[in-house]
Amino acid sequence: MKLSDWAKQQGITYKTAWRWFKAGRLPVPYTQLPTGTILVQPPQVTPVGSVALYARVSSADQKPDLERQLGRLTEQAVQQGFVVSRSVSEIGSGLNGHRPKLL
């Protein structure tokens, strides 16, 4: 399957999957065709279940950390055999318990 399709299936952005590919950190085997297309061979593991991922940072200047958080969470979920059904991220203060996207 194409890298973009795999990323969508895992609930991550194509940009994140591309960065993992460039860094050699894709959690699944892959091959790159002479045309540049990246094909991912997802493991033939029966999914344990599906999970929703939630990541939060407290300020807008930490936005790059938000993507890294989601990347680490997705990587762990895939390695443990989970299917990511949804990923949610938000920027908000930790001062109170108000988390509209989490709810």
N, C-alpha and C. Protein backbone atom coordinates (compact mmCIF):
# COMPACT_ATOMS: atom_id res chain seq x y z
N MET A 1 0.85 -1.17 0.00
CA MET A 1 0.00 0.00 0.00
C MET A 1 0.89 1.23 0.00
N LYS A 2 0.39 2.30 -0.57
CA LYS A 2 1.17 3.54 -0.64
C LYS A 2 1.32 4.16 0.75
N LEU A 3 2.40 4.91 0.92
CA LEU A 3 2.68 5.54 2.19
C LEU A 3 1.54 6.45 2.62
N SER A 4 0.96 7.18 1.69
CA SER A 4 -0.14 8.10 2.04
C SER A 4 -1.36 7.33 2.55
N ASP A 5 -1.65 6.20 1.94
CA ASP A 5 -2.79 5.38 2.39
C ASP A 5 -2.53 4.80 3.77
N TRP A 6 -1.30 4.34 3.99
CA TRP A 6 -0.94 3.78 5.30
C TRP A 6 -1.05 4.85 6.38
N ALA A 7 -0.56 6.06 6.08
CA ALA A 7 -0.62 7.15 7.05
C ALA A 7 -2.07 7.46 7.42
N LYS A 8 -2.92 7.53 6.42
CA LYS A 8 -4.34 7.82 6.68
C LYS A 8 -4.96 6.72 7.53
N GLN A 9 -4.61 5.47 7.23
CA GLN A 9 -5.14 4.34 7.98
C GLN A 9 -4.69 4.38 9.45
N GLN A 10 -3.48 4.89 9.68
CA GLN A 10 -2.95 4.94 11.04
C GLN A 10 -3.37 6.20 11.79
N GLY A 11 -4.03 7.12 11.10
CA GLY A 11 -4.49 8.34 11.76
C GLY A 11 -3.41 9.39 11.92
N ILE A 12 -2.39 9.35 11.07
CA ILE A 12 -1.34 10.36 11.11
C ILE A 12 -1.31 11.08 9.77
N THR A 13 -0.64 12.21 9.73
CA THR A 13 -0.55 12.96 8.48
C THR A 13 0.51 12.33 7.58
N TYR A 14 0.36 12.56 6.30
CA TYR A 14 1.35 12.07 5.35
C TYR A 14 2.71 12.69 5.64
N LYS A 15 2.70 13.95 6.04
CA LYS A 15 3.94 14.66 6.34
C LYS A 15 4.73 13.96 7.45
N THR A 16 4.03 13.52 8.49
CA THR A 16 4.68 12.80 9.58
C THR A 16 5.25 11.48 9.09
N ALA A 17 4.47 10.74 8.29
CA ALA A 17 4.94 9.46 7.74
C ALA A 17 6.16 9.69 6.85
N TRP A 18 6.15 10.75 6.07
CA TRP A 18 7.28 11.07 5.20
C TRP A 18 8.53 11.37 6.02
N ARG A 19 8.36 12.12 7.10
CA ARG A 19 9.50 12.41 7.98
C ARG A 19 10.07 11.13 8.58
N TRP A 20 9.19 10.23 8.99
CA TRP A 20 9.66 8.96 9.53
C TRP A 20 10.44 8.19 8.47
N PHE A 21 9.94 8.22 7.23
CA PHE A 21 10.62 7.54 6.14
C PHE A 21 12.01 8.13 5.92
N LYS A 22 12.07 9.45 5.86
CA LYS A 22 13.36 10.12 5.63
C LYS A 22 14.35 9.84 6.77
N ALA A 23 13.86 9.69 7.98
CA ALA A 23 14.72 9.42 9.13
C ALA A 23 14.99 7.93 9.31
N GLY A 24 14.35 7.08 8.48
CA GLY A 24 14.53 5.63 8.60
C GLY A 24 13.83 5.06 9.82
N ARG A 25 12.73 5.70 10.25
CA ARG A 25 12.05 5.28 11.47
C ARG A 25 10.63 4.77 11.25
N LEU A 26 10.27 4.41 10.02
CA LEU A 26 8.93 3.87 9.80
C LEU A 26 8.81 2.57 10.60
N PRO A 27 7.72 2.38 11.34
CA PRO A 27 7.60 1.19 12.17
C PRO A 27 7.19 -0.07 11.41
N VAL A 28 7.11 0.03 10.09
CA VAL A 28 6.74 -1.11 9.24
C VAL A 28 7.73 -1.22 8.09
N PRO A 29 7.87 -2.41 7.49
CA PRO A 29 8.77 -2.55 6.34
C PRO A 29 8.25 -1.74 5.14
N TYR A 30 9.18 -1.25 4.33
CA TYR A 30 8.80 -0.45 3.17
C TYR A 30 9.82 -0.64 2.05
N THR A 31 9.40 -0.28 0.85
CA THR A 31 10.30 -0.25 -0.31
C THR A 31 10.00 1.02 -1.10
N GLN A 32 11.02 1.52 -1.77
CA GLN A 32 10.83 2.69 -2.62
C GLN A 32 11.05 2.27 -4.06
N LEU A 33 10.07 2.52 -4.89
CA LEU A 33 10.15 2.17 -6.31
C LEU A 33 11.06 3.17 -7.04
N PRO A 34 11.56 2.80 -8.22
CA PRO A 34 12.39 3.74 -8.99
C PRO A 34 11.68 5.05 -9.30
N THR A 35 10.36 5.03 -9.31
CA THR A 35 9.60 6.25 -9.59
C THR A 35 9.54 7.17 -8.37
N GLY A 36 9.98 6.66 -7.20
CA GLY A 36 9.94 7.45 -5.98
C GLY A 36 8.79 7.09 -5.06
N THR A 37 7.84 6.31 -5.57
CA THR A 37 6.70 5.90 -4.77
C THR A 37 7.16 4.99 -3.63
N ILE A 38 6.65 5.25 -2.45
CA ILE A 38 7.01 4.45 -1.28
C ILE A 38 5.86 3.49 -0.98
N LEU A 39 6.18 2.21 -0.98
CA LEU A 39 5.20 1.18 -0.67
C LEU A 39 5.48 0.62 0.71
N VAL A 40 4.44 0.54 1.51
CA VAL A 40 4.56 0.05 2.88
C VAL A 40 3.95 -1.34 2.93
N GLN A 41 4.65 -2.26 3.60
CA GLN A 41 4.11 -3.60 3.81
C GLN A 41 3.67 -3.72 5.26
N PRO A 42 2.40 -3.41 5.55
CA PRO A 42 1.95 -3.50 6.93
C PRO A 42 2.04 -4.93 7.43
N PRO A 43 2.37 -5.13 8.68
CA PRO A 43 2.46 -6.49 9.21
C PRO A 43 1.10 -7.18 9.17
N GLN A 44 1.12 -8.47 8.95
CA GLN A 44 -0.10 -9.25 8.89
C GLN A 44 -0.48 -9.74 10.29
N VAL A 45 -0.60 -8.79 11.19
CA VAL A 45 -0.93 -9.08 12.58
C VAL A 45 -2.41 -8.78 12.78
N THR A 46 -3.08 -9.67 13.47
CA THR A 46 -4.47 -9.42 13.80
C THR A 46 -4.52 -8.28 14.82
N PRO A 47 -5.23 -7.20 14.50
CA PRO A 47 -5.26 -6.07 15.43
C PRO A 47 -5.81 -6.48 16.79
N VAL A 48 -5.20 -5.97 17.82
CA VAL A 48 -5.65 -6.21 19.19
C VAL A 48 -6.94 -5.43 19.43
N GLY A 49 -7.02 -4.27 18.86
CA GLY A 49 -8.18 -3.40 19.01
C GLY A 49 -7.85 -2.04 18.43
N SER A 50 -8.77 -1.13 18.57
CA SER A 50 -8.51 0.21 18.07
C SER A 50 -8.36 1.17 19.24
N VAL A 51 -7.60 2.22 19.00
CA VAL A 51 -7.36 3.22 20.03
C VAL A 51 -7.54 4.60 19.45
N ALA A 52 -7.83 5.53 20.33
CA ALA A 52 -7.84 6.94 19.98
C ALA A 52 -6.66 7.58 20.69
N LEU A 53 -5.95 8.44 19.99
CA LEU A 53 -4.78 9.10 20.55
C LEU A 53 -5.11 10.55 20.88
N TYR A 54 -4.58 11.03 21.98
CA TYR A 54 -4.80 12.42 22.38
C TYR A 54 -3.47 13.02 22.79
N ALA A 55 -3.15 14.16 22.21
CA ALA A 55 -1.92 14.88 22.55
C ALA A 55 -2.27 16.34 22.79
N ARG A 56 -1.53 16.97 23.73
CA ARG A 56 -1.81 18.37 24.07
C ARG A 56 -0.52 19.07 24.46
N VAL A 57 -0.42 20.30 24.04
CA VAL A 57 0.65 21.18 24.51
C VAL A 57 -0.02 22.43 25.05
N SER A 58 0.70 23.20 25.86
CA SER A 58 0.07 24.32 26.53
C SER A 58 0.15 25.65 25.78
N SER A 59 1.03 25.76 24.78
CA SER A 59 1.11 27.03 24.07
C SER A 59 1.44 26.80 22.59
N ALA A 60 1.13 27.79 21.78
CA ALA A 60 1.30 27.67 20.33
C ALA A 60 2.77 27.52 19.94
N ASP A 61 3.69 28.05 20.73
CA ASP A 61 5.10 27.92 20.36
C ASP A 61 5.62 26.49 20.57
N GLN A 62 4.80 25.62 21.16
CA GLN A 62 5.17 24.22 21.34
C GLN A 62 4.54 23.31 20.28
N LYS A 63 4.00 23.90 19.23
CA LYS A 63 3.30 23.13 18.21
C LYS A 63 4.16 22.02 17.60
N PRO A 64 5.46 22.23 17.35
CA PRO A 64 6.28 21.11 16.84
C PRO A 64 6.31 19.93 17.82
N ASP A 65 6.25 20.20 19.12
CA ASP A 65 6.21 19.12 20.11
C ASP A 65 4.93 18.30 19.99
N LEU A 66 3.86 18.95 19.59
CA LEU A 66 2.57 18.29 19.44
C LEU A 66 2.66 17.19 18.38
N GLU A 67 3.27 17.51 17.25
CA GLU A 67 3.41 16.52 16.18
C GLU A 67 4.32 15.37 16.62
N ARG A 68 5.36 15.69 17.36
CA ARG A 68 6.26 14.64 17.86
C ARG A 68 5.54 13.73 18.85
N GLN A 69 4.69 14.32 19.68
CA GLN A 69 3.91 13.51 20.62
C GLN A 69 3.03 12.51 19.88
N LEU A 70 2.29 13.02 18.89
CA LEU A 70 1.41 12.14 18.13
C LEU A 70 2.22 11.07 17.40
N GLY A 71 3.38 11.44 16.91
CA GLY A 71 4.24 10.47 16.23
C GLY A 71 4.66 9.35 17.16
N ARG A 72 5.08 9.70 18.36
CA ARG A 72 5.49 8.67 19.33
C ARG A 72 4.32 7.79 19.73
N LEU A 73 3.16 8.41 19.95
CA LEU A 73 1.97 7.64 20.32
C LEU A 73 1.56 6.67 19.22
N THR A 74 1.59 7.15 17.98
CA THR A 74 1.22 6.31 16.85
C THR A 74 2.20 5.15 16.69
N GLU A 75 3.47 5.45 16.81
CA GLU A 75 4.50 4.42 16.69
C GLU A 75 4.29 3.32 17.74
N GLN A 76 4.03 3.71 18.97
CA GLN A 76 3.80 2.73 20.03
C GLN A 76 2.54 1.90 19.77
N ALA A 77 1.48 2.55 19.33
CA ALA A 77 0.22 1.85 19.06
C ALA A 77 0.41 0.81 17.95
N VAL A 78 1.09 1.20 16.87
CA VAL A 78 1.32 0.28 15.75
C VAL A 78 2.19 -0.89 16.19
N GLN A 79 3.23 -0.63 16.95
CA GLN A 79 4.11 -1.69 17.41
C GLN A 79 3.39 -2.69 18.32
N GLN A 80 2.38 -2.23 19.02
CA GLN A 80 1.64 -3.11 19.92
C GLN A 80 0.44 -3.76 19.25
N GLY A 81 0.25 -3.50 17.95
CA GLY A 81 -0.81 -4.16 17.19
C GLY A 81 -2.15 -3.45 17.21
N PHE A 82 -2.20 -2.22 17.68
CA PHE A 82 -3.45 -1.47 17.68
C PHE A 82 -3.65 -0.76 16.36
N VAL A 83 -4.91 -0.54 16.03
CA VAL A 83 -5.27 0.29 14.88
C VAL A 83 -5.68 1.63 15.45
N VAL A 84 -5.11 2.70 14.92
CA VAL A 84 -5.45 4.04 15.39
C VAL A 84 -6.75 4.46 14.71
N SER A 85 -7.82 4.55 15.49
CA SER A 85 -9.11 4.92 14.91
C SER A 85 -9.28 6.42 14.81
N ARG A 86 -8.59 7.14 15.70
CA ARG A 86 -8.71 8.60 15.68
C ARG A 86 -7.54 9.21 16.44
N SER A 87 -7.07 10.34 15.96
CA SER A 87 -6.04 11.06 16.70
C SER A 87 -6.50 12.51 16.85
N VAL A 88 -6.38 13.01 18.07
CA VAL A 88 -6.85 14.35 18.40
C VAL A 88 -5.70 15.10 19.05
N SER A 89 -5.53 16.34 18.65
CA SER A 89 -4.50 17.17 19.27
C SER A 89 -5.09 18.55 19.54
N GLU A 90 -4.59 19.17 20.59
CA GLU A 90 -5.06 20.51 20.89
C GLU A 90 -3.99 21.29 21.65
N ILE A 91 -4.13 22.59 21.55
CA ILE A 91 -3.24 23.50 22.25
C ILE A 91 -4.09 24.19 23.31
N GLY A 92 -3.70 24.04 24.56
CA GLY A 92 -4.48 24.65 25.62
C GLY A 92 -3.75 24.60 26.94
N SER A 93 -4.03 25.54 27.77
CA SER A 93 -3.37 25.65 29.06
C SER A 93 -3.73 24.47 29.97
N GLY A 94 -2.80 24.10 30.82
CA GLY A 94 -3.05 23.06 31.80
C GLY A 94 -3.60 23.63 33.10
N LEU A 95 -3.96 24.90 33.08
CA LEU A 95 -4.43 25.58 34.28
C LEU A 95 -5.74 25.00 34.80
N ASN A 96 -6.61 24.58 33.88
CA ASN A 96 -7.89 24.00 34.31
C ASN A 96 -8.12 22.69 33.55
N GLY A 97 -9.18 22.03 33.84
CA GLY A 97 -9.48 20.75 33.22
C GLY A 97 -10.31 20.85 31.95
N HIS A 98 -10.46 22.03 31.42
CA HIS A 98 -11.29 22.23 30.23
C HIS A 98 -10.56 21.70 28.99
N ARG A 99 -11.00 20.57 28.47
CA ARG A 99 -10.39 19.96 27.29
C ARG A 99 -11.49 19.65 26.27
N PRO A 100 -11.90 20.63 25.48
CA PRO A 100 -13.04 20.41 24.58
C PRO A 100 -12.82 19.27 23.57
N LYS A 101 -11.64 19.14 23.04
CA LYS A 101 -11.40 18.08 22.05
C LYS A 101 -11.31 16.71 22.69
N LEU A 102 -10.84 16.66 23.92
CA LEU A 102 -10.76 15.38 24.62
C LEU A 102 -12.16 14.86 24.94
N LEU A 103 -13.03 15.76 25.32
CA LEU A 103 -14.40 15.35 25.65
C LEU A 103 -15.11 14.86 24.41
